[in-house]
Amino acid sequence: MKNYKLIQPDERKWEPHPQVPRVEVSYLLSKRADQVDMTSALVHLPVGAQAEKHLHENSDDIIYVLQGKAKMWVDGIGDVPLVAGTFLRIPKGTMHQPLDIEEDFIAYDIWYPALV
């Protein structure tokens, strides 16, 4: 039997980001819950949210912006503007930092291989 998964909008659960205050995550698929080798989530950063520079040692960070306006500092590139429709892949081991959250920001984020 195939392991289908369906989450309707009214079933979505938001939880605090494990490291970043004020940021929320809604996990859609994860190794922990779904036994898949990827993590996908919606990530919500409210205006003024602050995140530290960080990297994902073993996972690419693949981002598609759904709403809002912000920037992503990426090592070797600098500040990248993020608006609805922007796609950004950050290779594993690359330092990055979301910053200047000007409008309530939501992105569909995939980490491959899985983070959690």
PDB file of N, CA and C in Angstrom:
ATOM      1  N   MET A   1       0.836  -1.184   0.000  1.00  0.00           N
ATOM      2  CA  MET A   1       0.000   0.000   0.000  1.00  0.00           C
ATOM      3  C   MET A   1       0.881   1.248   0.000  1.00  0.00           C
ATOM      4  N   LYS A   2       0.513   2.212  -0.796  1.00  0.00           N
ATOM      5  CA  LYS A   2       1.259   3.467  -0.869  1.00  0.00           C
ATOM      6  C   LYS A   2       0.913   4.351   0.326  1.00  0.00           C
ATOM      7  N   ASN A   3       1.872   5.152   0.730  1.00  0.00           N
ATOM      8  CA  ASN A   3       1.678   6.029   1.885  1.00  0.00           C
ATOM      9  C   ASN A   3       1.312   7.434   1.429  1.00  0.00           C
ATOM     10  N   TYR A   4       0.062   7.633   1.068  1.00  0.00           N
ATOM     11  CA  TYR A   4      -0.406   8.951   0.673  1.00  0.00           C
ATOM     12  C   TYR A   4      -0.562   9.821   1.908  1.00  0.00           C
ATOM     13  N   LYS A   5      -0.470  11.124   1.701  1.00  0.00           N
ATOM     14  CA  LYS A   5      -0.697  12.051   2.809  1.00  0.00           C
ATOM     15  C   LYS A   5      -1.440  13.260   2.267  1.00  0.00           C
ATOM     16  N   LEU A   6      -2.461  13.665   2.968  1.00  0.00           N
ATOM     17  CA  LEU A   6      -3.260  14.822   2.590  1.00  0.00           C
ATOM     18  C   LEU A   6      -3.450  15.682   3.831  1.00  0.00           C
ATOM     19  N   ILE A   7      -3.164  16.965   3.697  1.00  0.00           N
ATOM     20  CA  ILE A   7      -3.400  17.916   4.784  1.00  0.00           C
ATOM     21  C   ILE A   7      -4.252  19.045   4.213  1.00  0.00           C
ATOM     22  N   GLN A   8      -5.453  19.164   4.684  1.00  0.00           N
ATOM     23  CA  GLN A   8      -6.334  20.257   4.266  1.00  0.00           C
ATOM     24  C   GLN A   8      -5.948  21.525   5.030  1.00  0.00           C
ATOM     25  N   PRO A   9      -6.254  22.706   4.468  1.00  0.00           N
ATOM     26  CA  PRO A   9      -5.853  23.953   5.139  1.00  0.00           C
ATOM     27  C   PRO A   9      -6.309  24.047   6.592  1.00  0.00           C
ATOM     28  N   ASP A  10      -7.506  23.575   6.893  1.00  0.00           N
ATOM     29  CA  ASP A  10      -7.999  23.682   8.270  1.00  0.00           C
ATOM     30  C   ASP A  10      -7.382  22.639   9.204  1.00  0.00           C
ATOM     31  N   GLU A  11      -6.584  21.727   8.658  1.00  0.00           N
ATOM     32  CA  GLU A  11      -5.906  20.702   9.461  1.00  0.00           C
ATOM     33  C   GLU A  11      -4.441  21.049   9.744  1.00  0.00           C
ATOM     34  N   ARG A  12      -3.965  22.098   9.118  1.00  0.00           N
ATOM     35  CA  ARG A  12      -2.556  22.466   9.255  1.00  0.00           C
ATOM     36  C   ARG A  12      -2.261  22.892  10.687  1.00  0.00           C
ATOM     37  N   LYS A  13      -1.153  22.403  11.211  1.00  0.00           N
ATOM     38  CA  LYS A  13      -0.731  22.746  12.574  1.00  0.00           C
ATOM     39  C   LYS A  13       0.566  23.558  12.510  1.00  0.00           C
ATOM     40  N   TRP A  14       0.571  24.680  13.184  1.00  0.00           N
ATOM     41  CA  TRP A  14       1.765  25.509  13.282  1.00  0.00           C
ATOM     42  C   TRP A  14       2.404  25.289  14.646  1.00  0.00           C
ATOM     43  N   GLU A  15       3.732  25.265  14.669  1.00  0.00           N
ATOM     44  CA  GLU A  15       4.447  25.134  15.935  1.00  0.00           C
ATOM     45  C   GLU A  15       5.631  26.094  15.933  1.00  0.00           C
ATOM     46  N   PRO A  16       6.098  26.472  17.109  1.00  0.00           N
ATOM     47  CA  PRO A  16       7.252  27.372  17.168  1.00  0.00           C
ATOM     48  C   PRO A  16       8.480  26.727  16.519  1.00  0.00           C
ATOM     49  N   HIS A  17       9.241  27.541  15.802  1.00  0.00           N
ATOM     50  CA  HIS A  17      10.506  27.072  15.237  1.00  0.00           C
ATOM     51  C   HIS A  17      11.401  26.648  16.400  1.00  0.00           C
ATOM     52  N   PRO A  18      12.128  25.531  16.259  1.00  0.00           N
ATOM     53  CA  PRO A  18      12.922  25.043  17.393  1.00  0.00           C
ATOM     54  C   PRO A  18      14.070  25.958  17.828  1.00  0.00           C
ATOM     55  N   GLN A  19      14.558  26.832  16.947  1.00  0.00           N
ATOM     56  CA  GLN A  19      15.679  27.702  17.319  1.00  0.00           C
ATOM     57  C   GLN A  19      15.403  29.195  17.191  1.00  0.00           C
ATOM     58  N   VAL A  20      14.377  29.582  16.446  1.00  0.00           N
ATOM     59  CA  VAL A  20      14.205  31.002  16.129  1.00  0.00           C
ATOM     60  C   VAL A  20      12.917  31.543  16.758  1.00  0.00           C
ATOM     61  N   PRO A  21      13.031  32.450  17.727  1.00  0.00           N
ATOM     62  CA  PRO A  21      11.838  33.017  18.359  1.00  0.00           C
ATOM     63  C   PRO A  21      10.935  33.717  17.342  1.00  0.00           C
ATOM     64  N   ARG A  22       9.629  33.641  17.570  1.00  0.00           N
ATOM     65  CA  ARG A  22       8.592  34.297  16.767  1.00  0.00           C
ATOM     66  C   ARG A  22       8.356  33.637  15.417  1.00  0.00           C
ATOM     67  N   VAL A  23       9.189  32.719  14.995  1.00  0.00           N
ATOM     68  CA  VAL A  23       9.016  32.042  13.709  1.00  0.00           C
ATOM     69  C   VAL A  23       8.222  30.759  13.934  1.00  0.00           C
ATOM     70  N   GLU A  24       7.298  30.475  12.999  1.00  0.00           N
ATOM     71  CA  GLU A  24       6.468  29.277  13.089  1.00  0.00           C
ATOM     72  C   GLU A  24       6.734  28.359  11.908  1.00  0.00           C
ATOM     73  N   VAL A  25       6.566  27.061  12.153  1.00  0.00           N
ATOM     74  CA  VAL A  25       6.768  26.041  11.124  1.00  0.00           C
ATOM     75  C   VAL A  25       5.555  25.121  11.106  1.00  0.00           C
ATOM     76  N   SER A  26       5.113  24.776   9.903  1.00  0.00           N
ATOM     77  CA  SER A  26       4.062  23.774   9.735  1.00  0.00           C
ATOM     78  C   SER A  26       4.661  22.644   8.901  1.00  0.00           C
ATOM     79  N   TYR A  27       5.054  21.562   9.570  1.00  0.00           N
ATOM     80  CA  TYR A  27       5.692  20.448   8.870  1.00  0.00           C
ATOM     81  C   TYR A  27       4.666  19.711   8.013  1.00  0.00           C
ATOM     82  N   LEU A  28       5.024  19.454   6.767  1.00  0.00           N
ATOM     83  CA  LEU A  28       4.155  18.741   5.835  1.00  0.00           C
ATOM     84  C   LEU A  28       4.617  17.303   5.653  1.00  0.00           C
ATOM     85  N   LEU A  29       5.909  17.117   5.442  1.00  0.00           N
ATOM     86  CA  LEU A  29       6.522  15.789   5.355  1.00  0.00           C
ATOM     87  C   LEU A  29       7.830  15.811   6.135  1.00  0.00           C
ATOM     88  N   SER A  30       8.108  14.705   6.817  1.00  0.00           N
ATOM     89  CA  SER A  30       9.387  14.622   7.516  1.00  0.00           C
ATOM     90  C   SER A  30       9.794  13.162   7.669  1.00  0.00           C
ATOM     91  N   LYS A  31      11.087  12.978   7.828  1.00  0.00           N
ATOM     92  CA  LYS A  31      11.610  11.638   8.084  1.00  0.00           C
ATOM     93  C   LYS A  31      11.035  11.092   9.386  1.00  0.00           C
ATOM     94  N   ARG A  32      10.968  11.963  10.388  1.00  0.00           N
ATOM     95  CA  ARG A  32      10.474  11.586  11.712  1.00  0.00           C
ATOM     96  C   ARG A  32       9.026  11.075  11.653  1.00  0.00           C
ATOM     97  N   ALA A  33       8.150  11.785  10.950  1.00  0.00           N
ATOM     98  CA  ALA A  33       6.723  11.432  10.951  1.00  0.00           C
ATOM     99  C   ALA A  33       6.308  10.542   9.788  1.00  0.00           C
ATOM    100  N   ASP A  34       7.018  10.656   8.656  1.00  0.00           N
ATOM    101  CA  ASP A  34       6.541  10.008   7.431  1.00  0.00           C
ATOM    102  C   ASP A  34       7.526   9.031   6.806  1.00  0.00           C
ATOM    103  N   GLN A  35       8.700   8.861   7.422  1.00  0.00           N
ATOM    104  CA  GLN A  35       9.712   7.941   6.922  1.00  0.00           C
ATOM    105  C   GLN A  35      10.098   8.245   5.465  1.00  0.00           C
ATOM    106  N   VAL A  36      10.285   9.537   5.157  1.00  0.00           N
ATOM    107  CA  VAL A  36      10.753   9.967   3.842  1.00  0.00           C
ATOM    108  C   VAL A  36      12.090  10.680   4.026  1.00  0.00           C
ATOM    109  N   ASP A  37      12.920  10.695   2.986  1.00  0.00           N
ATOM    110  CA  ASP A  37      14.248  11.289   3.114  1.00  0.00           C
ATOM    111  C   ASP A  37      14.259  12.750   2.678  1.00  0.00           C
ATOM    112  N   MET A  38      13.295  13.497   3.188  1.00  0.00           N
ATOM    113  CA  MET A  38      13.217  14.933   2.955  1.00  0.00           C
ATOM    114  C   MET A  38      12.375  15.524   4.073  1.00  0.00           C
ATOM    115  N   THR A  39      12.524  16.808   4.270  1.00  0.00           N
ATOM    116  CA  THR A  39      11.642  17.536   5.171  1.00  0.00           C
ATOM    117  C   THR A  39      11.028  18.654   4.352  1.00  0.00           C
ATOM    118  N   SER A  40       9.705  18.790   4.407  1.00  0.00           N
ATOM    119  CA  SER A  40       9.059  19.924   3.755  1.00  0.00           C
ATOM    120  C   SER A  40       8.134  20.588   4.759  1.00  0.00           C
ATOM    121  N   ALA A  41       8.093  21.910   4.684  1.00  0.00           N
ATOM    122  CA  ALA A  41       7.313  22.669   5.657  1.00  0.00           C
ATOM    123  C   ALA A  41       6.963  24.033   5.091  1.00  0.00           C
ATOM    124  N   LEU A  42       5.928  24.616   5.664  1.00  0.00           N
ATOM    125  CA  LEU A  42       5.672  26.034   5.484  1.00  0.00           C
ATOM    126  C   LEU A  42       6.386  26.739   6.630  1.00  0.00           C
ATOM    127  N   VAL A  43       7.047  27.831   6.318  1.00  0.00           N
ATOM    128  CA  VAL A  43       7.768  28.588   7.337  1.00  0.00           C
ATOM    129  C   VAL A  43       7.218  30.013   7.333  1.00  0.00           C
ATOM    130  N   HIS A  44       6.809  30.486   8.513  1.00  0.00           N
ATOM    131  CA  HIS A  44       6.225  31.822   8.658  1.00  0.00           C
ATOM    132  C   HIS A  44       7.153  32.698   9.494  1.00  0.00           C
ATOM    133  N   LEU A  45       7.593  33.800   8.888  1.00  0.00           N
ATOM    134  CA  LEU A  45       8.405  34.791   9.595  1.00  0.00           C
ATOM    135  C   LEU A  45       7.604  36.088   9.646  1.00  0.00           C
ATOM    136  N   PRO A  46       7.210  36.537  10.837  1.00  0.00           N
ATOM    137  CA  PRO A  46       6.495  37.808  10.924  1.00  0.00           C
ATOM    138  C   PRO A  46       7.454  38.983  10.740  1.00  0.00           C
ATOM    139  N   VAL A  47       6.890  40.137  10.425  1.00  0.00           N
ATOM    140  CA  VAL A  47       7.703  41.346  10.285  1.00  0.00           C
ATOM    141  C   VAL A  47       8.566  41.509  11.536  1.00  0.00           C
ATOM    142  N   GLY A  48       9.841  41.777  11.319  1.00  0.00           N
ATOM    143  CA  GLY A  48      10.758  42.009  12.428  1.00  0.00           C
ATOM    144  C   GLY A  48      11.401  40.767  13.019  1.00  0.00           C
ATOM    145  N   ALA A  49      11.032  39.583  12.553  1.00  0.00           N
ATOM    146  CA  ALA A  49      11.654  38.352  13.069  1.00  0.00           C
ATOM    147  C   ALA A  49      13.154  38.377  12.774  1.00  0.00           C
ATOM    148  N   GLN A  50      13.941  37.824  13.682  1.00  0.00           N
ATOM    149  CA  GLN A  50      15.395  37.805  13.541  1.00  0.00           C
ATOM    150  C   GLN A  50      15.903  36.369  13.585  1.00  0.00           C
ATOM    151  N   ALA A  51      16.694  35.989  12.621  1.00  0.00           N
ATOM    152  CA  ALA A  51      17.333  34.672  12.616  1.00  0.00           C
ATOM    153  C   ALA A  51      18.841  34.876  12.517  1.00  0.00           C
ATOM    154  N   GLU A  52      19.586  33.975  13.104  1.00  0.00           N
ATOM    155  CA  GLU A  52      21.048  34.037  13.049  1.00  0.00           C
ATOM    156  C   GLU A  52      21.552  33.416  11.745  1.00  0.00           C
ATOM    157  N   LYS A  53      22.786  33.749  11.384  1.00  0.00           N
ATOM    158  CA  LYS A  53      23.438  33.051  10.276  1.00  0.00           C
ATOM    159  C   LYS A  53      23.571  31.593  10.674  1.00  0.00           C
ATOM    160  N   HIS A  54      23.294  30.710   9.724  1.00  0.00           N
ATOM    161  CA  HIS A  54      23.370  29.278  10.010  1.00  0.00           C
ATOM    162  C   HIS A  54      23.590  28.517   8.711  1.00  0.00           C
ATOM    163  N   LEU A  55      23.842  27.229   8.832  1.00  0.00           N
ATOM    164  CA  LEU A  55      23.950  26.365   7.663  1.00  0.00           C
ATOM    165  C   LEU A  55      23.318  25.030   7.992  1.00  0.00           C
ATOM    166  N   HIS A  56      23.002  24.298   6.954  1.00  0.00           N
ATOM    167  CA  HIS A  56      22.507  22.931   7.096  1.00  0.00           C
ATOM    168  C   HIS A  56      23.613  22.049   6.530  1.00  0.00           C
ATOM    169  N   GLU A  57      24.336  21.415   7.423  1.00  0.00           N
ATOM    170  CA  GLU A  57      25.554  20.692   7.064  1.00  0.00           C
ATOM    171  C   GLU A  57      25.326  19.609   6.016  1.00  0.00           C
ATOM    172  N   ASN A  58      24.200  18.905   6.116  1.00  0.00           N
ATOM    173  CA  ASN A  58      23.975  17.749   5.241  1.00  0.00           C
ATOM    174  C   ASN A  58      22.779  17.882   4.319  1.00  0.00           C
ATOM    175  N   SER A  59      22.133  19.048   4.293  1.00  0.00           N
ATOM    176  CA  SER A  59      20.905  19.196   3.509  1.00  0.00           C
ATOM    177  C   SER A  59      20.914  20.464   2.677  1.00  0.00           C
ATOM    178  N   ASP A  60      20.472  20.358   1.413  1.00  0.00           N
ATOM    179  CA  ASP A  60      20.157  21.539   0.620  1.00  0.00           C
ATOM    180  C   ASP A  60      18.911  22.176   1.217  1.00  0.00           C
ATOM    181  N   ASP A  61      18.809  23.490   1.143  1.00  0.00           N
ATOM    182  CA  ASP A  61      17.627  24.232   1.585  1.00  0.00           C
ATOM    183  C   ASP A  61      16.996  24.817   0.326  1.00  0.00           C
ATOM    184  N   ILE A  62      15.802  24.361   0.004  1.00  0.00           N
ATOM    185  CA  ILE A  62      15.126  24.730  -1.241  1.00  0.00           C
ATOM    186  C   ILE A  62      13.874  25.518  -0.863  1.00  0.00           C
ATOM    187  N   ILE A  63      13.813  26.772  -1.298  1.00  0.00           N
ATOM    188  CA  ILE A  63      12.790  27.706  -0.825  1.00  0.00           C
ATOM    189  C   ILE A  63      11.974  28.234  -1.998  1.00  0.00           C
ATOM    190  N   TYR A  64      10.649  28.235  -1.824  1.00  0.00           N
ATOM    191  CA  TYR A  64       9.746  28.898  -2.766  1.00  0.00           C
ATOM    192  C   TYR A  64       8.876  29.849  -1.951  1.00  0.00           C
ATOM    193  N   VAL A  65       8.949  31.132  -2.264  1.00  0.00           N
ATOM    194  CA  VAL A  65       8.241  32.147  -1.486  1.00  0.00           C
ATOM    195  C   VAL A  65       6.781  32.223  -1.923  1.00  0.00           C
ATOM    196  N   LEU A  66       5.882  32.102  -0.948  1.00  0.00           N
ATOM    197  CA  LEU A  66       4.443  32.178  -1.206  1.00  0.00           C
ATOM    198  C   LEU A  66       3.897  33.580  -0.983  1.00  0.00           C
ATOM    199  N   GLN A  67       4.393  34.267   0.040  1.00  0.00           N
ATOM    200  CA  GLN A  67       3.926  35.640   0.295  1.00  0.00           C
ATOM    201  C   GLN A  67       4.966  36.391   1.106  1.00  0.00           C
ATOM    202  N   GLY A  68       4.889  37.711   1.004  1.00  0.00           N
ATOM    203  CA  GLY A  68       5.731  38.560   1.823  1.00  0.00           C
ATOM    204  C   GLY A  68       6.923  39.129   1.084  1.00  0.00           C
ATOM    205  N   LYS A  69       7.754  39.818   1.853  1.00  0.00           N
ATOM    206  CA  LYS A  69       8.937  40.467   1.294  1.00  0.00           C
ATOM    207  C   LYS A  69      10.040  40.421   2.341  1.00  0.00           C
ATOM    208  N   ALA A  70      11.201  39.915   1.934  1.00  0.00           N
ATOM    209  CA  ALA A  70      12.346  39.796   2.835  1.00  0.00           C
ATOM    210  C   ALA A  70      13.614  39.711   1.991  1.00  0.00           C
ATOM    211  N   LYS A  71      14.723  39.467   2.664  1.00  0.00           N
ATOM    212  CA  LYS A  71      15.993  39.199   1.990  1.00  0.00           C
ATOM    213  C   LYS A  71      16.594  37.950   2.612  1.00  0.00           C
ATOM    214  N   MET A  72      17.441  37.294   1.844  1.00  0.00           N
ATOM    215  CA  MET A  72      18.213  36.169   2.358  1.00  0.00           C
ATOM    216  C   MET A  72      19.676  36.476   2.059  1.00  0.00           C
ATOM    217  N   TRP A  73      20.476  36.592   3.118  1.00  0.00           N
ATOM    218  CA  TRP A  73      21.910  36.708   2.909  1.00  0.00           C
ATOM    219  C   TRP A  73      22.436  35.296   2.681  1.00  0.00           C
ATOM    220  N   VAL A  74      23.183  35.111   1.581  1.00  0.00           N
ATOM    221  CA  VAL A  74      23.762  33.812   1.240  1.00  0.00           C
ATOM    222  C   VAL A  74      25.260  34.010   1.048  1.00  0.00           C
ATOM    223  N   ASP A  75      26.058  33.218   1.751  1.00  0.00           N
ATOM    224  CA  ASP A  75      27.508  33.308   1.653  1.00  0.00           C
ATOM    225  C   ASP A  75      27.945  33.144   0.200  1.00  0.00           C
ATOM    226  N   GLY A  76      28.777  34.049  -0.265  1.00  0.00           N
ATOM    227  CA  GLY A  76      29.281  33.995  -1.630  1.00  0.00           C
ATOM    228  C   GLY A  76      28.418  34.744  -2.629  1.00  0.00           C
ATOM    229  N   ILE A  77      27.204  35.132  -2.218  1.00  0.00           N
ATOM    230  CA  ILE A  77      26.299  35.866  -3.115  1.00  0.00           C
ATOM    231  C   ILE A  77      25.962  37.233  -2.535  1.00  0.00           C
ATOM    232  N   GLY A  78      25.653  37.266  -1.241  1.00  0.00           N
ATOM    233  CA  GLY A  78      25.201  38.496  -0.602  1.00  0.00           C
ATOM    234  C   GLY A  78      23.702  38.450  -0.376  1.00  0.00           C
ATOM    235  N   ASP A  79      23.075  39.632  -0.344  1.00  0.00           N
ATOM    236  CA  ASP A  79      21.640  39.724  -0.087  1.00  0.00           C
ATOM    237  C   ASP A  79      20.838  39.396  -1.341  1.00  0.00           C
ATOM    238  N   VAL A  80      19.891  38.484  -1.183  1.00  0.00           N
ATOM    239  CA  VAL A  80      19.006  38.079  -2.278  1.00  0.00           C
ATOM    240  C   VAL A  80      17.597  38.542  -1.919  1.00  0.00           C
ATOM    241  N   PRO A  81      16.944  39.372  -2.774  1.00  0.00           N
ATOM    242  CA  PRO A  81      15.575  39.773  -2.471  1.00  0.00           C
ATOM    243  C   PRO A  81      14.617  38.596  -2.629  1.00  0.00           C
ATOM    244  N   LEU A  82      13.678  38.479  -1.678  1.00  0.00           N
ATOM    245  CA  LEU A  82      12.689  37.408  -1.709  1.00  0.00           C
ATOM    246  C   LEU A  82      11.294  38.017  -1.729  1.00  0.00           C
ATOM    247  N   VAL A  83      10.523  37.703  -2.765  1.00  0.00           N
ATOM    248  CA  VAL A  83       9.123  38.113  -2.882  1.00  0.00           C
ATOM    249  C   VAL A  83       8.339  36.909  -3.384  1.00  0.00           C
ATOM    250  N   ALA A  84       7.019  36.995  -3.338  1.00  0.00           N
ATOM    251  CA  ALA A  84       6.185  35.887  -3.801  1.00  0.00           C
ATOM    252  C   ALA A  84       6.619  35.454  -5.201  1.00  0.00           C
ATOM    253  N   GLY A  85       6.828  34.159  -5.369  1.00  0.00           N
ATOM    254  CA  GLY A  85       7.251  33.600  -6.648  1.00  0.00           C
ATOM    255  C   GLY A  85       8.741  33.352  -6.764  1.00  0.00           C
ATOM    256  N   THR A  86       9.536  33.848  -5.812  1.00  0.00           N
ATOM    257  CA  THR A  86      10.985  33.635  -5.845  1.00  0.00           C
ATOM    258  C   THR A  86      11.310  32.192  -5.466  1.00  0.00           C
ATOM    259  N   PHE A  87      12.234  31.593  -6.222  1.00  0.00           N
ATOM    260  CA  PHE A  87      12.762  30.256  -5.923  1.00  0.00           C
ATOM    261  C   PHE A  87      14.236  30.409  -5.599  1.00  0.00           C
ATOM    262  N   LEU A  88      14.687  29.746  -4.529  1.00  0.00           N
ATOM    263  CA  LEU A  88      16.093  29.810  -4.132  1.00  0.00           C
ATOM    264  C   LEU A  88      16.536  28.457  -3.603  1.00  0.00           C
ATOM    265  N   ARG A  89      17.632  27.943  -4.153  1.00  0.00           N
ATOM    266  CA  ARG A  89      18.252  26.722  -3.620  1.00  0.00           C
ATOM    267  C   ARG A  89      19.566  27.116  -2.977  1.00  0.00           C
ATOM    268  N   ILE A  90      19.715  26.744  -1.704  1.00  0.00           N
ATOM    269  CA  ILE A  90      20.946  27.003  -0.972  1.00  0.00           C
ATOM    270  C   ILE A  90      21.621  25.650  -0.754  1.00  0.00           C
ATOM    271  N   PRO A  91      22.781  25.415  -1.375  1.00  0.00           N
ATOM    272  CA  PRO A  91      23.440  24.110  -1.247  1.00  0.00           C
ATOM    273  C   PRO A  91      23.833  23.802   0.199  1.00  0.00           C
ATOM    274  N   LYS A  92      23.854  22.521   0.519  1.00  0.00           N
ATOM    275  CA  LYS A  92      24.250  22.100   1.868  1.00  0.00           C
ATOM    276  C   LYS A  92      25.601  22.706   2.223  1.00  0.00           C
ATOM    277  N   GLY A  93      25.755  23.031   3.505  1.00  0.00           N
ATOM    278  CA  GLY A  93      27.010  23.591   3.984  1.00  0.00           C
ATOM    279  C   GLY A  93      27.205  25.065   3.700  1.00  0.00           C
ATOM    280  N   THR A  94      26.200  25.754   3.148  1.00  0.00           N
ATOM    281  CA  THR A  94      26.316  27.172   2.811  1.00  0.00           C
ATOM    282  C   THR A  94      25.670  28.026   3.900  1.00  0.00           C
ATOM    283  N   MET A  95      26.434  28.957   4.453  1.00  0.00           N
ATOM    284  CA  MET A  95      25.884  29.878   5.449  1.00  0.00           C
ATOM    285  C   MET A  95      24.826  30.757   4.797  1.00  0.00           C
ATOM    286  N   HIS A  96      23.739  31.003   5.555  1.00  0.00           N
ATOM    287  CA  HIS A  96      22.684  31.886   5.076  1.00  0.00           C
ATOM    288  C   HIS A  96      21.921  32.463   6.262  1.00  0.00           C
ATOM    289  N   GLN A  97      21.137  33.516   5.981  1.00  0.00           N
ATOM    290  CA  GLN A  97      20.393  34.185   7.043  1.00  0.00           C
ATOM    291  C   GLN A  97      19.231  34.967   6.442  1.00  0.00           C
ATOM    292  N   PRO A  98      17.994  34.626   6.839  1.00  0.00           N
ATOM    293  CA  PRO A  98      16.878  35.481   6.441  1.00  0.00           C
ATOM    294  C   PRO A  98      16.957  36.795   7.222  1.00  0.00           C
ATOM    295  N   LEU A  99      16.680  37.904   6.531  1.00  0.00           N
ATOM    296  CA  LEU A  99      16.751  39.200   7.201  1.00  0.00           C
ATOM    297  C   LEU A  99      15.817  40.203   6.540  1.00  0.00           C
ATOM    298  N   ASP A 100      15.688  41.354   7.173  1.00  0.00           N
ATOM    299  CA  ASP A 100      14.840  42.441   6.662  1.00  0.00           C
ATOM    300  C   ASP A 100      13.451  41.946   6.271  1.00  0.00           C
ATOM    301  N   ILE A 101      12.756  41.322   7.212  1.00  0.00           N
ATOM    302  CA  ILE A 101      11.397  40.846   6.955  1.00  0.00           C
ATOM    303  C   ILE A 101      10.497  42.081   6.931  1.00  0.00           C
ATOM    304  N   GLU A 102      10.170  42.557   5.727  1.00  0.00           N
ATOM    305  CA  GLU A 102       9.400  43.793   5.565  1.00  0.00           C
ATOM    306  C   GLU A 102       7.896  43.542   5.552  1.00  0.00           C
ATOM    307  N   GLU A 103       7.487  42.368   5.079  1.00  0.00           N
ATOM    308  CA  GLU A 103       6.073  41.992   5.032  1.00  0.00           C
ATOM    309  C   GLU A 103       5.962  40.573   5.563  1.00  0.00           C
ATOM    310  N   ASP A 104       4.846  40.273   6.236  1.00  0.00           N
ATOM    311  CA  ASP A 104       4.592  38.932   6.758  1.00  0.00           C
ATOM    312  C   ASP A 104       4.990  37.909   5.695  1.00  0.00           C
ATOM    313  N   PHE A 105       5.864  36.983   6.040  1.00  0.00           N
ATOM    314  CA  PHE A 105       6.558  36.148   5.056  1.00  0.00           C
ATOM    315  C   PHE A 105       6.227  34.675   5.270  1.00  0.00           C
ATOM    316  N   ILE A 106       5.793  34.012   4.196  1.00  0.00           N
ATOM    317  CA  ILE A 106       5.560  32.568   4.239  1.00  0.00           C
ATOM    318  C   ILE A 106       6.238  31.932   3.031  1.00  0.00           C
ATOM    319  N   ALA A 107       7.006  30.880   3.287  1.00  0.00           N
ATOM    320  CA  ALA A 107       7.689  30.155   2.216  1.00  0.00           C
ATOM    321  C   ALA A 107       7.433  28.661   2.365  1.00  0.00           C
ATOM    322  N   TYR A 108       7.413  27.985   1.221  1.00  0.00           N
ATOM    323  CA  TYR A 108       7.408  26.524   1.200  1.00  0.00           C
ATOM    324  C   TYR A 108       8.872  26.130   1.168  1.00  0.00           C
ATOM    325  N   ASP A 109       9.305  25.369   2.157  1.00  0.00           N
ATOM    326  CA  ASP A 109      10.722  25.054   2.330  1.00  0.00           C
ATOM    327  C   ASP A 109      10.918  23.541   2.299  1.00  0.00           C
ATOM    328  N   ILE A 110      11.913  23.106   1.547  1.00  0.00           N
ATOM    329  CA  ILE A 110      12.270  21.685   1.470  1.00  0.00           C
ATOM    330  C   ILE A 110      13.736  21.559   1.858  1.00  0.00           C
ATOM    331  N   TRP A 111      14.019  20.591   2.711  1.00  0.00           N
ATOM    332  CA  TRP A 111      15.404  20.253   3.040  1.00  0.00           C
ATOM    333  C   TRP A 111      15.633  18.832   2.565  1.00  0.00           C
ATOM    334  N   TYR A 112      16.669  18.680   1.725  1.00  0.00           N
ATOM    335  CA  TYR A 112      16.963  17.351   1.178  1.00  0.00           C
ATOM    336  C   TYR A 112      18.456  17.105   1.247  1.00  0.00           C
ATOM    337  N   PRO A 113      18.851  15.980   1.827  1.00  0.00           N
ATOM    338  CA  PRO A 113      18.072  14.991   2.568  1.00  0.00           C
ATOM    339  C   PRO A 113      17.432  15.604   3.813  1.00  0.00           C
ATOM    340  N   ALA A 114      16.604  14.810   4.452  1.00  0.00           N
ATOM    341  CA  ALA A 114      15.778  15.274   5.563  1.00  0.00           C
ATOM    342  C   ALA A 114      16.595  15.879   6.700  1.00  0.00           C
ATOM    343  N   LEU A 115      16.029  16.935   7.307  1.00  0.00           N
ATOM    344  CA  LEU A 115      16.578  17.488   8.550  1.00  0.00           C
ATOM    345  C   LEU A 115      15.988  16.766   9.748  1.00  0.00           C
ATOM    346  N   VAL A 116      14.664  16.604   9.725  1.00  0.00           N
ATOM    347  CA  VAL A 116      13.956  15.925  10.827  1.00  0.00           C
ATOM    348  C   VAL A 116      12.998  14.896  10.264  1.00  0.00           C
TER     349      VAL A 116
END
